[in-house]
PDB file of N, CA and C in Angstrom:
ATOM      1  N   MET A   1       0.820  -1.199   0.000  1.00  0.00           N
ATOM      2  CA  MET A   1       0.000   0.000   0.000  1.00  0.00           C
ATOM      3  C   MET A   1       0.860   1.258   0.000  1.00  0.00           C
ATOM      4  N   LYS A   2       1.949   1.240   0.780  1.00  0.00           N
ATOM      5  CA  LYS A   2       2.825   2.406   0.842  1.00  0.00           C
ATOM      6  C   LYS A   2       3.462   2.682  -0.518  1.00  0.00           C
ATOM      7  N   ILE A   3       3.790   1.634  -1.250  1.00  0.00           N
ATOM      8  CA  ILE A   3       4.407   1.804  -2.568  1.00  0.00           C
ATOM      9  C   ILE A   3       3.413   2.439  -3.535  1.00  0.00           C
ATOM     10  N   VAL A   4       2.164   2.001  -3.492  1.00  0.00           N
ATOM     11  CA  VAL A   4       1.143   2.569  -4.362  1.00  0.00           C
ATOM     12  C   VAL A   4       0.963   4.061  -4.048  1.00  0.00           C
ATOM     13  N   LEU A   5       0.901   4.400  -2.791  1.00  0.00           N
ATOM     14  CA  LEU A   5       0.756   5.797  -2.387  1.00  0.00           C
ATOM     15  C   LEU A   5       1.957   6.620  -2.848  1.00  0.00           C
ATOM     16  N   LEU A   6       3.143   6.078  -2.714  1.00  0.00           N
ATOM     17  CA  LEU A   6       4.348   6.773  -3.164  1.00  0.00           C
ATOM     18  C   LEU A   6       4.310   6.999  -4.669  1.00  0.00           C
ATOM     19  N   LEU A   7       3.888   5.996  -5.427  1.00  0.00           N
ATOM     20  CA  LEU A   7       3.787   6.135  -6.878  1.00  0.00           C
ATOM     21  C   LEU A   7       2.772   7.210  -7.272  1.00  0.00           C
ATOM     22  N   ILE A   8       1.668   7.292  -6.538  1.00  0.00           N
ATOM     23  CA  ILE A   8       0.654   8.311  -6.812  1.00  0.00           C
ATOM     24  C   ILE A   8       1.225   9.707  -6.560  1.00  0.00           C
ATOM     25  N   VAL A   9       1.950   9.872  -5.484  1.00  0.00           N
ATOM     26  CA  VAL A   9       2.546  11.168  -5.160  1.00  0.00           C
ATOM     27  C   VAL A   9       3.576  11.557  -6.218  1.00  0.00           C
ATOM     28  N   VAL A  10       4.417  10.627  -6.621  1.00  0.00           N
ATOM     29  CA  VAL A  10       5.426  10.910  -7.643  1.00  0.00           C
ATOM     30  C   VAL A  10       4.754  11.276  -8.960  1.00  0.00           C
ATOM     31  N   ALA A  11       3.722  10.536  -9.352  1.00  0.00           N
ATOM     32  CA  ALA A  11       3.003  10.837 -10.592  1.00  0.00           C
ATOM     33  C   ALA A  11       2.365  12.227 -10.533  1.00  0.00           C
ATOM     34  N   ALA A  12       1.822  12.589  -9.405  1.00  0.00           N
ATOM     35  CA  ALA A  12       1.202  13.910  -9.259  1.00  0.00           C
ATOM     36  C   ALA A  12       2.237  15.021  -9.394  1.00  0.00           C
ATOM     37  N   CYS A  13       3.427  14.792  -8.903  1.00  0.00           N
ATOM     38  CA  CYS A  13       4.489  15.798  -9.026  1.00  0.00           C
ATOM     39  C   CYS A  13       4.849  16.045 -10.487  1.00  0.00           C
ATOM     40  N   TYR A  14       4.821  14.995 -11.285  1.00  0.00           N
ATOM     41  CA  TYR A  14       5.135  15.154 -12.705  1.00  0.00           C
ATOM     42  C   TYR A  14       3.940  15.672 -13.500  1.00  0.00           C
ATOM     43  N   ALA A  15       2.756  15.457 -13.028  1.00  0.00           N
ATOM     44  CA  ALA A  15       1.559  15.844 -13.779  1.00  0.00           C
ATOM     45  C   ALA A  15       1.278  17.337 -13.704  1.00  0.00           C
ATOM     46  N   PHE A  16       1.654  17.970 -12.617  1.00  0.00           N
ATOM     47  CA  PHE A  16       1.340  19.380 -12.438  1.00  0.00           C
ATOM     48  C   PHE A  16       2.609  20.213 -12.539  1.00  0.00           C
ATOM     49  N   PRO A  17       2.581  21.237 -13.388  1.00  0.00           N
ATOM     50  CA  PRO A  17       3.777  22.073 -13.527  1.00  0.00           C
ATOM     51  C   PRO A  17       4.120  22.794 -12.232  1.00  0.00           C
ATOM     52  N   THR A  18       5.402  22.920 -11.993  1.00  0.00           N
ATOM     53  CA  THR A  18       5.841  23.648 -10.811  1.00  0.00           C
ATOM     54  C   THR A  18       5.958  25.127 -11.154  1.00  0.00           C
ATOM     55  N   PRO A  19       5.941  25.989 -10.161  1.00  0.00           N
ATOM     56  CA  PRO A  19       6.073  27.423 -10.441  1.00  0.00           C
ATOM     57  C   PRO A  19       7.364  27.764 -11.176  1.00  0.00           C
ATOM     58  N   ASP A  20       8.378  26.923 -11.055  1.00  0.00           N
ATOM     59  CA  ASP A  20       9.666  27.189 -11.691  1.00  0.00           C
ATOM     60  C   ASP A  20       9.718  26.730 -13.145  1.00  0.00           C
ATOM     61  N   ASP A  21       8.699  26.055 -13.644  1.00  0.00           N
ATOM     62  CA  ASP A  21       8.733  25.557 -15.019  1.00  0.00           C
ATOM     63  C   ASP A  21       8.995  26.673 -16.021  1.00  0.00           C
ATOM     64  N   TRP A  22       8.340  27.805 -15.873  1.00  0.00           N
ATOM     65  CA  TRP A  22       8.512  28.913 -16.806  1.00  0.00           C
ATOM     66  C   TRP A  22       9.944  29.438 -16.757  1.00  0.00           C
ATOM     67  N   GLU A  23      10.465  29.634 -15.562  1.00  0.00           N
ATOM     68  CA  GLU A  23      11.841  30.124 -15.427  1.00  0.00           C
ATOM     69  C   GLU A  23      12.838  29.101 -15.965  1.00  0.00           C
ATOM     70  N   ASP A  24      12.606  27.834 -15.686  1.00  0.00           N
ATOM     71  CA  ASP A  24      13.478  26.768 -16.209  1.00  0.00           C
ATOM     72  C   ASP A  24      13.456  26.739 -17.731  1.00  0.00           C
ATOM     73  N   TYR A  25      12.269  26.899 -18.296  1.00  0.00           N
ATOM     74  CA  TYR A  25      12.110  26.913 -19.751  1.00  0.00           C
ATOM     75  C   TYR A  25      12.917  28.060 -20.362  1.00  0.00           C
ATOM     76  N   LYS A  26      12.799  29.248 -19.771  1.00  0.00           N
ATOM     77  CA  LYS A  26      13.504  30.410 -20.308  1.00  0.00           C
ATOM     78  C   LYS A  26      15.025  30.207 -20.246  1.00  0.00           C
ATOM     79  N   VAL A  27      15.502  29.608 -19.189  1.00  0.00           N
ATOM     80  CA  VAL A  27      16.942  29.342 -19.075  1.00  0.00           C
ATOM     81  C   VAL A  27      17.366  28.308 -20.115  1.00  0.00           C
ATOM     82  N   LYS A  28      16.634  27.215 -20.200  1.00  0.00           N
ATOM     83  CA  LYS A  28      16.996  26.119 -21.110  1.00  0.00           C
ATOM     84  C   LYS A  28      17.068  26.593 -22.560  1.00  0.00           C
ATOM     85  N   PHE A  29      16.122  27.440 -22.975  1.00  0.00           N
ATOM     86  CA  PHE A  29      16.054  27.857 -24.368  1.00  0.00           C
ATOM     87  C   PHE A  29      16.532  29.298 -24.578  1.00  0.00           C
ATOM     88  N   ASN A  30      17.240  29.831 -23.581  1.00  0.00           N
ATOM     89  CA  ASN A  30      17.839  31.161 -23.679  1.00  0.00           C
ATOM     90  C   ASN A  30      16.806  32.222 -24.067  1.00  0.00           C
ATOM     91  N   LYS A  31      15.693  32.230 -23.356  1.00  0.00           N
ATOM     92  CA  LYS A  31      14.612  33.190 -23.613  1.00  0.00           C
ATOM     93  C   LYS A  31      14.656  34.299 -22.570  1.00  0.00           C
ATOM     94  N   SER A  32      14.352  35.509 -22.990  1.00  0.00           N
ATOM     95  CA  SER A  32      14.316  36.644 -22.080  1.00  0.00           C
ATOM     96  C   SER A  32      13.277  37.631 -22.585  1.00  0.00           C
ATOM     97  N   TYR A  33      12.376  38.025 -21.694  1.00  0.00           N
ATOM     98  CA  TYR A  33      11.338  38.989 -22.035  1.00  0.00           C
ATOM     99  C   TYR A  33      11.358  40.104 -20.996  1.00  0.00           C
ATOM    100  N   PRO A  34      12.133  41.165 -21.259  1.00  0.00           N
ATOM    101  CA  PRO A  34      12.243  42.263 -20.285  1.00  0.00           C
ATOM    102  C   PRO A  34      10.911  42.965 -20.002  1.00  0.00           C
ATOM    103  N   ASP A  35      10.022  43.000 -20.989  1.00  0.00           N
ATOM    104  CA  ASP A  35       8.718  43.629 -20.795  1.00  0.00           C
ATOM    105  C   ASP A  35       7.826  42.673 -19.996  1.00  0.00           C
ATOM    106  N   PRO A  36       7.409  43.055 -18.785  1.00  0.00           N
ATOM    107  CA  PRO A  36       6.588  42.165 -17.952  1.00  0.00           C
ATOM    108  C   PRO A  36       5.298  41.710 -18.634  1.00  0.00           C
ATOM    109  N   ALA A  37       4.696  42.566 -19.443  1.00  0.00           N
ATOM    110  CA  ALA A  37       3.457  42.183 -20.127  1.00  0.00           C
ATOM    111  C   ALA A  37       3.729  41.075 -21.142  1.00  0.00           C
ATOM    112  N   GLU A  38       4.830  41.182 -21.886  1.00  0.00           N
ATOM    113  CA  GLU A  38       5.155  40.138 -22.848  1.00  0.00           C
ATOM    114  C   GLU A  38       5.543  38.856 -22.132  1.00  0.00           C
ATOM    115  N   ASP A  39       6.289  38.969 -21.037  1.00  0.00           N
ATOM    116  CA  ASP A  39       6.668  37.786 -20.265  1.00  0.00           C
ATOM    117  C   ASP A  39       5.425  37.040 -19.802  1.00  0.00           C
ATOM    118  N   LEU A  40       4.440  37.772 -19.307  1.00  0.00           N
ATOM    119  CA  LEU A  40       3.197  37.160 -18.842  1.00  0.00           C
ATOM    120  C   LEU A  40       2.443  36.499 -20.000  1.00  0.00           C
ATOM    121  N   MET A  41       2.404  37.158 -21.166  1.00  0.00           N
ATOM    122  CA  MET A  41       1.728  36.599 -22.334  1.00  0.00           C
ATOM    123  C   MET A  41       2.428  35.315 -22.785  1.00  0.00           C
ATOM    124  N   ARG A  42       3.767  35.355 -22.835  1.00  0.00           N
ATOM    125  CA  ARG A  42       4.546  34.176 -23.252  1.00  0.00           C
ATOM    126  C   ARG A  42       4.390  33.038 -22.253  1.00  0.00           C
ATOM    127  N   LYS A  43       4.320  33.378 -20.981  1.00  0.00           N
ATOM    128  CA  LYS A  43       4.118  32.359 -19.945  1.00  0.00           C
ATOM    129  C   LYS A  43       2.777  31.658 -20.151  1.00  0.00           C
ATOM    130  N   GLY A  44       1.742  32.425 -20.499  1.00  0.00           N
ATOM    131  CA  GLY A  44       0.430  31.826 -20.760  1.00  0.00           C
ATOM    132  C   GLY A  44       0.466  30.875 -21.946  1.00  0.00           C
ATOM    133  N   LEU A  45       1.167  31.260 -23.009  1.00  0.00           N
ATOM    134  CA  LEU A  45       1.311  30.384 -24.173  1.00  0.00           C
ATOM    135  C   LEU A  45       2.066  29.111 -23.797  1.00  0.00           C
ATOM    136  N   PHE A  46       3.117  29.272 -23.013  1.00  0.00           N
ATOM    137  CA  PHE A  46       3.896  28.127 -22.542  1.00  0.00           C
ATOM    138  C   PHE A  46       3.034  27.174 -21.715  1.00  0.00           C
ATOM    139  N   GLN A  47       2.212  27.734 -20.832  1.00  0.00           N
ATOM    140  CA  GLN A  47       1.352  26.896 -19.997  1.00  0.00           C
ATOM    141  C   GLN A  47       0.310  26.149 -20.837  1.00  0.00           C
ATOM    142  N   LYS A  48      -0.205  26.794 -21.883  1.00  0.00           N
ATOM    143  CA  LYS A  48      -1.129  26.109 -22.791  1.00  0.00           C
ATOM    144  C   LYS A  48      -0.415  24.969 -23.510  1.00  0.00           C
ATOM    145  N   SER A  49       0.835  25.205 -23.880  1.00  0.00           N
ATOM    146  CA  SER A  49       1.619  24.148 -24.517  1.00  0.00           C
ATOM    147  C   SER A  49       1.832  22.983 -23.559  1.00  0.00           C
ATOM    148  N   GLN A  50       2.122  23.300 -22.308  1.00  0.00           N
ATOM    149  CA  GLN A  50       2.295  22.245 -21.301  1.00  0.00           C
ATOM    150  C   GLN A  50       1.030  21.405 -21.171  1.00  0.00           C
ATOM    151  N   GLN A  51      -0.105  22.071 -21.148  1.00  0.00           N
ATOM    152  CA  GLN A  51      -1.382  21.364 -21.021  1.00  0.00           C
ATOM    153  C   GLN A  51      -1.621  20.475 -22.240  1.00  0.00           C
ATOM    154  N   PHE A  52      -1.346  21.010 -23.438  1.00  0.00           N
ATOM    155  CA  PHE A  52      -1.506  20.222 -24.654  1.00  0.00           C
ATOM    156  C   PHE A  52      -0.615  18.985 -24.615  1.00  0.00           C
ATOM    157  N   VAL A  53       0.645  19.164 -24.222  1.00  0.00           N
ATOM    158  CA  VAL A  53       1.590  18.044 -24.159  1.00  0.00           C
ATOM    159  C   VAL A  53       1.081  16.975 -23.197  1.00  0.00           C
ATOM    160  N   GLU A  54       0.628  17.404 -22.037  1.00  0.00           N
ATOM    161  CA  GLU A  54       0.133  16.450 -21.040  1.00  0.00           C
ATOM    162  C   GLU A  54      -1.071  15.667 -21.563  1.00  0.00           C
ATOM    163  N   GLU A  55      -2.028  16.372 -22.149  1.00  0.00           N
ATOM    164  CA  GLU A  55      -3.239  15.714 -22.652  1.00  0.00           C
ATOM    165  C   GLU A  55      -2.920  14.793 -23.829  1.00  0.00           C
ATOM    166  N   HIS A  56      -2.064  15.241 -24.736  1.00  0.00           N
ATOM    167  CA  HIS A  56      -1.711  14.421 -25.893  1.00  0.00           C
ATOM    168  C   HIS A  56      -0.975  13.153 -25.446  1.00  0.00           C
ATOM    169  N   ASN A  57      -0.035  13.293 -24.523  1.00  0.00           N
ATOM    170  CA  ASN A  57       0.738  12.137 -24.089  1.00  0.00           C
ATOM    171  C   ASN A  57      -0.102  11.139 -23.298  1.00  0.00           C
ATOM    172  N   LYS A  58      -1.157  11.608 -22.650  1.00  0.00           N
ATOM    173  CA  LYS A  58      -2.107  10.679 -22.021  1.00  0.00           C
ATOM    174  C   LYS A  58      -2.811   9.853 -23.091  1.00  0.00           C
ATOM    175  N   LYS A  59      -3.146  10.495 -24.215  1.00  0.00           N
ATOM    176  CA  LYS A  59      -3.749   9.763 -25.333  1.00  0.00           C
ATOM    177  C   LYS A  59      -2.773   8.739 -25.887  1.00  0.00           C
ATOM    178  N   TYR A  60      -1.493   9.088 -25.950  1.00  0.00           N
ATOM    179  CA  TYR A  60      -0.473   8.146 -26.415  1.00  0.00           C
ATOM    180  C   TYR A  60      -0.415   6.931 -25.480  1.00  0.00           C
ATOM    181  N   GLU A  61      -0.397   7.195 -24.186  1.00  0.00           N
ATOM    182  CA  GLU A  61      -0.342   6.107 -23.206  1.00  0.00           C
ATOM    183  C   GLU A  61      -1.566   5.206 -23.296  1.00  0.00           C
ATOM    184  N   ALA A  62      -2.697   5.779 -23.725  1.00  0.00           N
ATOM    185  CA  ALA A  62      -3.930   4.997 -23.872  1.00  0.00           C
ATOM    186  C   ALA A  62      -4.008   4.324 -25.243  1.00  0.00           C
ATOM    187  N   GLY A  63      -3.007   4.540 -26.089  1.00  0.00           N
ATOM    188  CA  GLY A  63      -2.996   3.925 -27.408  1.00  0.00           C
ATOM    189  C   GLY A  63      -3.875   4.633 -28.431  1.00  0.00           C
ATOM    190  N   LEU A  64      -4.247   5.880 -28.160  1.00  0.00           N
ATOM    191  CA  LEU A  64      -5.141   6.608 -29.057  1.00  0.00           C
ATOM    192  C   LEU A  64      -4.411   7.402 -30.132  1.00  0.00           C
ATOM    193  N   VAL A  65      -3.140   7.687 -29.911  1.00  0.00           N
ATOM    194  CA  VAL A  65      -2.305   8.360 -30.912  1.00  0.00           C
ATOM    195  C   VAL A  65      -0.985   7.598 -31.000  1.00  0.00           C
ATOM    196  N   THR A  66      -0.246   7.826 -32.077  1.00  0.00           N
ATOM    197  CA  THR A  66       0.941   7.006 -32.341  1.00  0.00           C
ATOM    198  C   THR A  66       2.262   7.617 -31.900  1.00  0.00           C
ATOM    199  N   HIS A  67       2.245   8.815 -31.360  1.00  0.00           N
ATOM    200  CA  HIS A  67       3.498   9.460 -30.992  1.00  0.00           C
ATOM    201  C   HIS A  67       3.314  10.341 -29.761  1.00  0.00           C
ATOM    202  N   MET A  68       4.430  10.636 -29.115  1.00  0.00           N
ATOM    203  CA  MET A  68       4.438  11.551 -27.976  1.00  0.00           C
ATOM    204  C   MET A  68       4.896  12.924 -28.455  1.00  0.00           C
ATOM    205  N   VAL A  69       4.596  13.944 -27.685  1.00  0.00           N
ATOM    206  CA  VAL A  69       5.059  15.296 -27.967  1.00  0.00           C
ATOM    207  C   VAL A  69       5.727  15.850 -26.717  1.00  0.00           C
ATOM    208  N   GLY A  70       6.419  16.979 -26.862  1.00  0.00           N
ATOM    209  CA  GLY A  70       7.093  17.569 -25.717  1.00  0.00           C
ATOM    210  C   GLY A  70       7.270  19.063 -25.885  1.00  0.00           C
ATOM    211  N   ILE A  71       7.770  19.672 -24.844  1.00  0.00           N
ATOM    212  CA  ILE A  71       8.063  21.104 -24.837  1.00  0.00           C
ATOM    213  C   ILE A  71       9.349  21.333 -25.631  1.00  0.00           C
ATOM    214  N   ASN A  72       9.364  22.402 -26.440  1.00  0.00           N
ATOM    215  CA  ASN A  72      10.573  22.761 -27.170  1.00  0.00           C
ATOM    216  C   ASN A  72      10.706  24.289 -27.234  1.00  0.00           C
ATOM    217  N   GLN A  73      11.641  24.771 -28.023  1.00  0.00           N
ATOM    218  CA  GLN A  73      11.917  26.203 -28.081  1.00  0.00           C
ATOM    219  C   GLN A  73      10.775  27.017 -28.669  1.00  0.00           C
ATOM    220  N   PHE A  74       9.787  26.362 -29.256  1.00  0.00           N
ATOM    221  CA  PHE A  74       8.650  27.062 -29.854  1.00  0.00           C
ATOM    222  C   PHE A  74       7.418  27.085 -28.945  1.00  0.00           C
ATOM    223  N   SER A  75       7.528  26.552 -27.757  1.00  0.00           N
ATOM    224  CA  SER A  75       6.373  26.377 -26.871  1.00  0.00           C
ATOM    225  C   SER A  75       5.811  27.666 -26.290  1.00  0.00           C
ATOM    226  N   ASP A  76       6.452  28.792 -26.532  1.00  0.00           N
ATOM    227  CA  ASP A  76       5.930  30.069 -26.045  1.00  0.00           C
ATOM    228  C   ASP A  76       5.577  31.005 -27.199  1.00  0.00           C
ATOM    229  N   GLN A  77       5.321  30.422 -28.363  1.00  0.00           N
ATOM    230  CA  GLN A  77       4.999  31.232 -29.534  1.00  0.00           C
ATOM    231  C   GLN A  77       3.517  31.139 -29.879  1.00  0.00           C
ATOM    232  N   THR A  78       3.034  32.187 -30.546  1.00  0.00           N
ATOM    233  CA  THR A  78       1.640  32.214 -30.992  1.00  0.00           C
ATOM    234  C   THR A  78       1.493  31.357 -32.243  1.00  0.00           C
ATOM    235  N   GLN A  79       0.247  31.026 -32.597  1.00  0.00           N
ATOM    236  CA  GLN A  79      -0.001  30.281 -33.836  1.00  0.00           C
ATOM    237  C   GLN A  79       0.499  31.076 -35.040  1.00  0.00           C
ATOM    238  N   GLU A  80       0.323  32.382 -35.005  1.00  0.00           N
ATOM    239  CA  GLU A  80       0.801  33.220 -36.103  1.00  0.00           C
ATOM    240  C   GLU A  80       2.315  33.114 -36.254  1.00  0.00           C
ATOM    241  N   GLU A  81       3.026  33.167 -35.146  1.00  0.00           N
ATOM    242  CA  GLU A  81       4.487  33.041 -35.203  1.00  0.00           C
ATOM    243  C   GLU A  81       4.905  31.668 -35.713  1.00  0.00           C
ATOM    244  N   LEU A  82       4.191  30.648 -35.306  1.00  0.00           N
ATOM    245  CA  LEU A  82       4.517  29.287 -35.742  1.00  0.00           C
ATOM    246  C   LEU A  82       4.216  29.082 -37.217  1.00  0.00           C
ATOM    247  N   SER A  83       3.294  29.867 -37.777  1.00  0.00           N
ATOM    248  CA  SER A  83       2.902  29.712 -39.174  1.00  0.00           C
ATOM    249  C   SER A  83       3.842  30.418 -40.144  1.00  0.00           C
ATOM    250  N   ARG A  84       4.668  31.302 -39.642  1.00  0.00           N
ATOM    251  CA  ARG A  84       5.582  32.041 -40.516  1.00  0.00           C
ATOM    252  C   ARG A  84       6.601  31.084 -41.129  1.00  0.00           C
ATOM    253  N   PRO A  85       6.947  31.305 -42.402  1.00  0.00           N
ATOM    254  CA  PRO A  85       7.979  30.474 -43.006  1.00  0.00           C
ATOM    255  C   PRO A  85       9.332  30.734 -42.351  1.00  0.00           C
ATOM    256  N   CYS A  86      10.095  29.697 -42.229  1.00  0.00           N
ATOM    257  CA  CYS A  86      11.431  29.815 -41.637  1.00  0.00           C
ATOM    258  C   CYS A  86      12.412  30.317 -42.683  1.00  0.00           C
ATOM    259  N   LEU A  87      13.329  31.116 -42.253  1.00  0.00           N
ATOM    260  CA  LEU A  87      14.417  31.547 -43.117  1.00  0.00           C
ATOM    261  C   LEU A  87      15.643  30.727 -42.760  1.00  0.00           C
ATOM    262  N   LEU A  88      16.062  29.889 -43.669  1.00  0.00           N
ATOM    263  CA  LEU A  88      17.232  29.047 -43.416  1.00  0.00           C
ATOM    264  C   LEU A  88      18.484  29.823 -43.803  1.00  0.00           C
ATOM    265  N   VAL A  89      19.445  29.804 -42.937  1.00  0.00           N
ATOM    266  CA  VAL A  89      20.700  30.496 -43.181  1.00  0.00           C
ATOM    267  C   VAL A  89      21.755  29.444 -43.458  1.00  0.00           C
ATOM    268  N   GLU A  90      22.364  29.537 -44.608  1.00  0.00           N
ATOM    269  CA  GLU A  90      23.429  28.596 -44.950  1.00  0.00           C
ATOM    270  C   GLU A  90      24.749  29.109 -44.419  1.00  0.00           C
ATOM    271  N   GLU A  91      25.541  28.212 -43.901  1.00  0.00           N
ATOM    272  CA  GLU A  91      26.852  28.601 -43.376  1.00  0.00           C
ATOM    273  C   GLU A  91      27.920  28.359 -44.405  1.00  0.00           C
TER     274      GLU A  91
END
């Protein structure tokens, strides 16, 4: 019984984002938003991405989709920003 309870607690820790997730994300992907309003907007987009990842990966675990998804450097961008064509720079 103690092992089951421990597993539930550990799973809950991974299921819910910690307050540091946004700060960790910005450090990992070298993001900086000096304007507090933009930082707050980007944080909201990031949190929506986190929710999408969690829900999609639950579907994967249930066998409803064929792949997993995760957070990446684009997780704080708007749909408009994601739709823009990329400019590839050749070295």
